[in-house]
């Protein structure tokens, strides 16, 4: 891979790993899991969130975690997740907000430089969410789920 591809691949996978680690901590805090157990679940390779994920282990609850996250490069993520959590304090709402942040960040990563490995990786991720949304719609319709509930579960791409 040339330098440009390496840069975009590093950014893409680094962001993915950071978001997985952040989400792991938030999920575990929602379920009351001890910090030592959570630390064992984290992916040791990080992009920007190594100190962030470790510091999130010390908080007592999700609100504290989101307040701490607001003082990091992931402040927009913290704001979105906090907003979703205040509307509905469930794991589903938190995961949905994180997925929307992830997909929007991935989408923005393909804008700019004409073609690089990040374009291919972002395309595959966007396709994953497109297929996931189609699956949610099909299952929701077949199970007679309320359309408003289906809309809440769908991750909207920009």
C-alpha atoms as a PDB file:
ATOM      1  CA  UNK A   1       0.000   0.000   0.000  1.00  0.00           C
ATOM      2  CA  UNK A   2       1.195   3.493  -0.703  1.00  0.00           C
ATOM      3  CA  UNK A   3       1.286   6.208   1.975  1.00  0.00           C
ATOM      4  CA  UNK A   4      -2.124   7.625   1.100  1.00  0.00           C
ATOM      5  CA  UNK A   5      -3.798   4.225   1.377  1.00  0.00           C
ATOM      6  CA  UNK A   6      -1.957   3.508   4.619  1.00  0.00           C
ATOM      7  CA  UNK A   7      -3.147   6.821   6.057  1.00  0.00           C
ATOM      8  CA  UNK A   8      -6.776   6.180   5.154  1.00  0.00           C
ATOM      9  CA  UNK A   9      -6.700   2.539   6.270  1.00  0.00           C
ATOM     10  CA  UNK A  10      -5.137   3.553   9.594  1.00  0.00           C
ATOM     11  CA  UNK A  11      -7.804   6.226  10.085  1.00  0.00           C
ATOM     12  CA  UNK A  12     -10.633   3.857   9.106  1.00  0.00           C
ATOM     13  CA  UNK A  13      -9.611   0.924  11.297  1.00  0.00           C
ATOM     14  CA  UNK A  14      -8.387   3.175  14.107  1.00  0.00           C
ATOM     15  CA  UNK A  15     -11.768   4.872  14.306  1.00  0.00           C
ATOM     16  CA  UNK A  16     -13.524   1.506  14.196  1.00  0.00           C
ATOM     17  CA  UNK A  17     -11.416   0.110  17.069  1.00  0.00           C
ATOM     18  CA  UNK A  18     -11.841   3.277  19.146  1.00  0.00           C
ATOM     19  CA  UNK A  19     -15.605   3.177  18.741  1.00  0.00           C
ATOM     20  CA  UNK A  20     -15.705  -0.518  19.639  1.00  0.00           C
ATOM     21  CA  UNK A  21     -13.703   0.160  22.821  1.00  0.00           C
ATOM     22  CA  UNK A  22     -15.857   3.157  23.779  1.00  0.00           C
ATOM     23  CA  UNK A  23     -19.036   1.197  23.155  1.00  0.00           C
ATOM     24  CA  UNK A  24     -17.705  -1.768  25.138  1.00  0.00           C
ATOM     25  CA  UNK A  25     -17.112   0.462  28.162  1.00  0.00           C
ATOM     26  CA  UNK A  26     -20.532   2.133  27.870  1.00  0.00           C
ATOM     27  CA  UNK A  27     -22.320  -1.227  27.463  1.00  0.00           C
ATOM     28  CA  UNK A  28     -20.500  -2.669  30.443  1.00  0.00           C
ATOM     29  CA  UNK A  29     -21.240   0.383  32.603  1.00  0.00           C
ATOM     30  CA  UNK A  30     -24.931   0.068  31.724  1.00  0.00           C
ATOM     31  CA  UNK A  31     -24.821  -3.543  32.891  1.00  0.00           C
ATOM     32  CA  UNK A  32     -22.796  -2.846  36.049  1.00  0.00           C
ATOM     33  CA  UNK A  33     -19.726  -4.882  35.097  1.00  0.00           C
ATOM     34  CA  UNK A  34     -16.544  -4.323  37.124  1.00  0.00           C
ATOM     35  CA  UNK A  35     -13.726  -2.221  35.646  1.00  0.00           C
ATOM     36  CA  UNK A  36     -11.181  -5.066  35.703  1.00  0.00           C
ATOM     37  CA  UNK A  37     -13.451  -7.268  33.614  1.00  0.00           C
ATOM     38  CA  UNK A  38     -14.141  -4.408  31.195  1.00  0.00           C
ATOM     39  CA  UNK A  39     -10.423  -3.731  30.753  1.00  0.00           C
ATOM     40  CA  UNK A  40      -9.900  -7.336  29.671  1.00  0.00           C
ATOM     41  CA  UNK A  41     -12.558  -6.865  26.974  1.00  0.00           C
ATOM     42  CA  UNK A  42     -10.916  -3.849  25.330  1.00  0.00           C
ATOM     43  CA  UNK A  43      -8.978  -4.162  22.092  1.00  0.00           C
ATOM     44  CA  UNK A  44      -5.394  -3.197  23.048  1.00  0.00           C
ATOM     45  CA  UNK A  45      -4.624  -1.423  19.751  1.00  0.00           C
ATOM     46  CA  UNK A  46      -6.133   2.044  19.602  1.00  0.00           C
ATOM     47  CA  UNK A  47      -6.178   5.091  17.367  1.00  0.00           C
ATOM     48  CA  UNK A  48      -6.861   8.073  19.614  1.00  0.00           C
ATOM     49  CA  UNK A  49      -8.794   6.525  22.469  1.00  0.00           C
ATOM     50  CA  UNK A  50      -6.216   4.563  24.472  1.00  0.00           C
ATOM     51  CA  UNK A  51      -6.200   6.978  27.416  1.00  0.00           C
ATOM     52  CA  UNK A  52      -9.885   7.715  26.855  1.00  0.00           C
ATOM     53  CA  UNK A  53     -11.031   4.101  27.178  1.00  0.00           C
ATOM     54  CA  UNK A  54      -8.834   3.570  30.259  1.00  0.00           C
ATOM     55  CA  UNK A  55     -10.155   6.715  31.944  1.00  0.00           C
ATOM     56  CA  UNK A  56     -13.736   5.690  31.167  1.00  0.00           C
ATOM     57  CA  UNK A  57     -13.143   2.595  33.291  1.00  0.00           C
ATOM     58  CA  UNK A  58     -12.992   4.735  36.431  1.00  0.00           C
ATOM     59  CA  UNK A  59     -16.439   6.302  36.068  1.00  0.00           C
ATOM     60  CA  UNK A  60     -19.434   4.988  37.973  1.00  0.00           C
ATOM     61  CA  UNK A  61     -22.186   5.323  35.386  1.00  0.00           C
ATOM     62  CA  UNK A  62     -23.012   6.186  31.783  1.00  0.00           C
ATOM     63  CA  UNK A  63     -23.668   9.874  32.470  1.00  0.00           C
ATOM     64  CA  UNK A  64     -20.181  10.305  33.944  1.00  0.00           C
ATOM     65  CA  UNK A  65     -18.674   8.397  31.022  1.00  0.00           C
ATOM     66  CA  UNK A  66     -20.401  10.657  28.502  1.00  0.00           C
ATOM     67  CA  UNK A  67     -19.339  13.789  30.385  1.00  0.00           C
ATOM     68  CA  UNK A  68     -15.739  12.568  30.354  1.00  0.00           C
ATOM     69  CA  UNK A  69     -15.989  11.668  26.656  1.00  0.00           C
ATOM     70  CA  UNK A  70     -17.193  15.212  25.921  1.00  0.00           C
ATOM     71  CA  UNK A  71     -13.708  16.526  26.747  1.00  0.00           C
ATOM     72  CA  UNK A  72     -12.038  14.364  24.081  1.00  0.00           C
ATOM     73  CA  UNK A  73     -11.822  14.319  20.274  1.00  0.00           C
ATOM     74  CA  UNK A  74     -15.045  12.295  20.449  1.00  0.00           C
ATOM     75  CA  UNK A  75     -17.117  15.137  21.931  1.00  0.00           C
ATOM     76  CA  UNK A  76     -19.619  15.021  19.049  1.00  0.00           C
ATOM     77  CA  UNK A  77     -20.130  11.314  19.710  1.00  0.00           C
ATOM     78  CA  UNK A  78     -20.609  12.042  23.424  1.00  0.00           C
ATOM     79  CA  UNK A  79     -23.195  14.692  22.625  1.00  0.00           C
ATOM     80  CA  UNK A  80     -25.170  12.398  20.301  1.00  0.00           C
ATOM     81  CA  UNK A  81     -25.091   9.455  22.681  1.00  0.00           C
ATOM     82  CA  UNK A  82     -26.024  11.647  25.653  1.00  0.00           C
ATOM     83  CA  UNK A  83     -28.966  13.085  23.727  1.00  0.00           C
ATOM     84  CA  UNK A  84     -30.151   9.591  22.760  1.00  0.00           C
ATOM     85  CA  UNK A  85     -29.655   8.281  26.299  1.00  0.00           C
ATOM     86  CA  UNK A  86     -31.668  11.147  27.796  1.00  0.00           C
ATOM     87  CA  UNK A  87     -34.547  10.420  25.390  1.00  0.00           C
ATOM     88  CA  UNK A  88     -34.461   6.705  26.101  1.00  0.00           C
ATOM     89  CA  UNK A  89     -32.025   5.317  28.708  1.00  0.00           C
ATOM     90  CA  UNK A  90     -31.546   1.979  26.964  1.00  0.00           C
ATOM     91  CA  UNK A  91     -28.627   0.167  25.433  1.00  0.00           C
ATOM     92  CA  UNK A  92     -30.410   0.134  22.068  1.00  0.00           C
ATOM     93  CA  UNK A  93     -30.626   3.925  21.904  1.00  0.00           C
ATOM     94  CA  UNK A  94     -26.959   4.288  22.850  1.00  0.00           C
ATOM     95  CA  UNK A  95     -25.853   1.754  20.223  1.00  0.00           C
ATOM     96  CA  UNK A  96     -28.013   3.405  17.574  1.00  0.00           C
ATOM     97  CA  UNK A  97     -26.484   6.831  18.257  1.00  0.00           C
ATOM     98  CA  UNK A  98     -22.997   5.331  18.071  1.00  0.00           C
ATOM     99  CA  UNK A  99     -23.782   3.583  14.782  1.00  0.00           C
ATOM    100  CA  UNK A 100     -25.126   6.799  13.265  1.00  0.00           C
ATOM    101  CA  UNK A 101     -21.973   8.645  14.330  1.00  0.00           C
ATOM    102  CA  UNK A 102     -19.827   5.871  12.893  1.00  0.00           C
ATOM    103  CA  UNK A 103     -21.574   5.800   9.537  1.00  0.00           C
ATOM    104  CA  UNK A 104     -21.528   9.573   9.154  1.00  0.00           C
ATOM    105  CA  UNK A 105     -17.827   9.671   9.971  1.00  0.00           C
ATOM    106  CA  UNK A 106     -17.148   6.890   7.483  1.00  0.00           C
ATOM    107  CA  UNK A 107     -19.171   8.697   4.826  1.00  0.00           C
ATOM    108  CA  UNK A 108     -17.217  11.919   5.398  1.00  0.00           C
ATOM    109  CA  UNK A 109     -13.937  10.024   5.090  1.00  0.00           C
ATOM    110  CA  UNK A 110     -14.561   9.292   1.401  1.00  0.00           C
ATOM    111  CA  UNK A 111     -15.078  12.942   0.527  1.00  0.00           C
ATOM    112  CA  UNK A 112     -11.965  14.676  -0.709  1.00  0.00           C
ATOM    113  CA  UNK A 113      -9.129  12.726  -2.225  1.00  0.00           C
ATOM    114  CA  UNK A 114     -10.593  11.042  -5.336  1.00  0.00           C
ATOM    115  CA  UNK A 115      -9.893   7.355  -4.772  1.00  0.00           C
ATOM    116  CA  UNK A 116      -8.025   5.467  -2.076  1.00  0.00           C
ATOM    117  CA  UNK A 117      -8.399   2.353   0.054  1.00  0.00           C
ATOM    118  CA  UNK A 118     -10.646   4.288   2.448  1.00  0.00           C
ATOM    119  CA  UNK A 119     -13.175   4.670  -0.357  1.00  0.00           C
ATOM    120  CA  UNK A 120     -13.425   0.914  -0.750  1.00  0.00           C
ATOM    121  CA  UNK A 121     -13.591   0.307   3.007  1.00  0.00           C
ATOM    122  CA  UNK A 122     -16.250   3.000   3.452  1.00  0.00           C
ATOM    123  CA  UNK A 123     -18.262   1.594   0.544  1.00  0.00           C
ATOM    124  CA  UNK A 124     -18.268  -1.862   2.150  1.00  0.00           C
ATOM    125  CA  UNK A 125     -19.331  -0.406   5.501  1.00  0.00           C
ATOM    126  CA  UNK A 126     -22.110   1.628   3.911  1.00  0.00           C
ATOM    127  CA  UNK A 127     -23.319  -1.490   2.093  1.00  0.00           C
ATOM    128  CA  UNK A 128     -23.341  -3.382   5.386  1.00  0.00           C
ATOM    129  CA  UNK A 129     -25.641  -0.768   6.935  1.00  0.00           C
ATOM    130  CA  UNK A 130     -27.820  -0.683   3.828  1.00  0.00           C
ATOM    131  CA  UNK A 131     -28.331  -4.454   4.006  1.00  0.00           C
ATOM    132  CA  UNK A 132     -28.880  -4.266   7.752  1.00  0.00           C
ATOM    133  CA  UNK A 133     -31.592  -1.639   7.227  1.00  0.00           C
ATOM    134  CA  UNK A 134     -33.281  -3.779   4.565  1.00  0.00           C
ATOM    135  CA  UNK A 135     -33.221  -6.749   6.941  1.00  0.00           C
ATOM    136  CA  UNK A 136     -34.766  -4.632   9.728  1.00  0.00           C
ATOM    137  CA  UNK A 137     -37.533  -3.491   7.392  1.00  0.00           C
ATOM    138  CA  UNK A 138     -38.297  -6.987   6.101  1.00  0.00           C
ATOM    139  CA  UNK A 139     -38.354  -8.577   9.551  1.00  0.00           C
ATOM    140  CA  UNK A 140     -40.300  -5.661  10.982  1.00  0.00           C
ATOM    141  CA  UNK A 141     -42.948  -5.875   8.266  1.00  0.00           C
ATOM    142  CA  UNK A 142     -43.254  -9.654   8.540  1.00  0.00           C
ATOM    143  CA  UNK A 143     -43.642  -9.415  12.332  1.00  0.00           C
ATOM    144  CA  UNK A 144     -46.163  -6.515  12.107  1.00  0.00           C
ATOM    145  CA  UNK A 145     -43.873  -4.158  14.023  1.00  0.00           C
ATOM    146  CA  UNK A 146     -45.056  -0.556  14.256  1.00  0.00           C
ATOM    147  CA  UNK A 147     -43.474   1.540  11.452  1.00  0.00           C
ATOM    148  CA  UNK A 148     -42.276   4.124  13.982  1.00  0.00           C
ATOM    149  CA  UNK A 149     -40.304   1.411  15.795  1.00  0.00           C
ATOM    150  CA  UNK A 150     -38.798   0.242  12.515  1.00  0.00           C
ATOM    151  CA  UNK A 151     -37.746   3.820  11.707  1.00  0.00           C
ATOM    152  CA  UNK A 152     -36.028   4.102  15.093  1.00  0.00           C
ATOM    153  CA  UNK A 153     -33.931   1.008  14.398  1.00  0.00           C
ATOM    154  CA  UNK A 154     -32.768   2.053  10.951  1.00  0.00           C
ATOM    155  CA  UNK A 155     -29.397   3.783  10.722  1.00  0.00           C
ATOM    156  CA  UNK A 156     -29.766   6.635   8.259  1.00  0.00           C
ATOM    157  CA  UNK A 157     -26.838   7.237   5.959  1.00  0.00           C
ATOM    158  CA  UNK A 158     -26.034  10.776   4.858  1.00  0.00           C
END
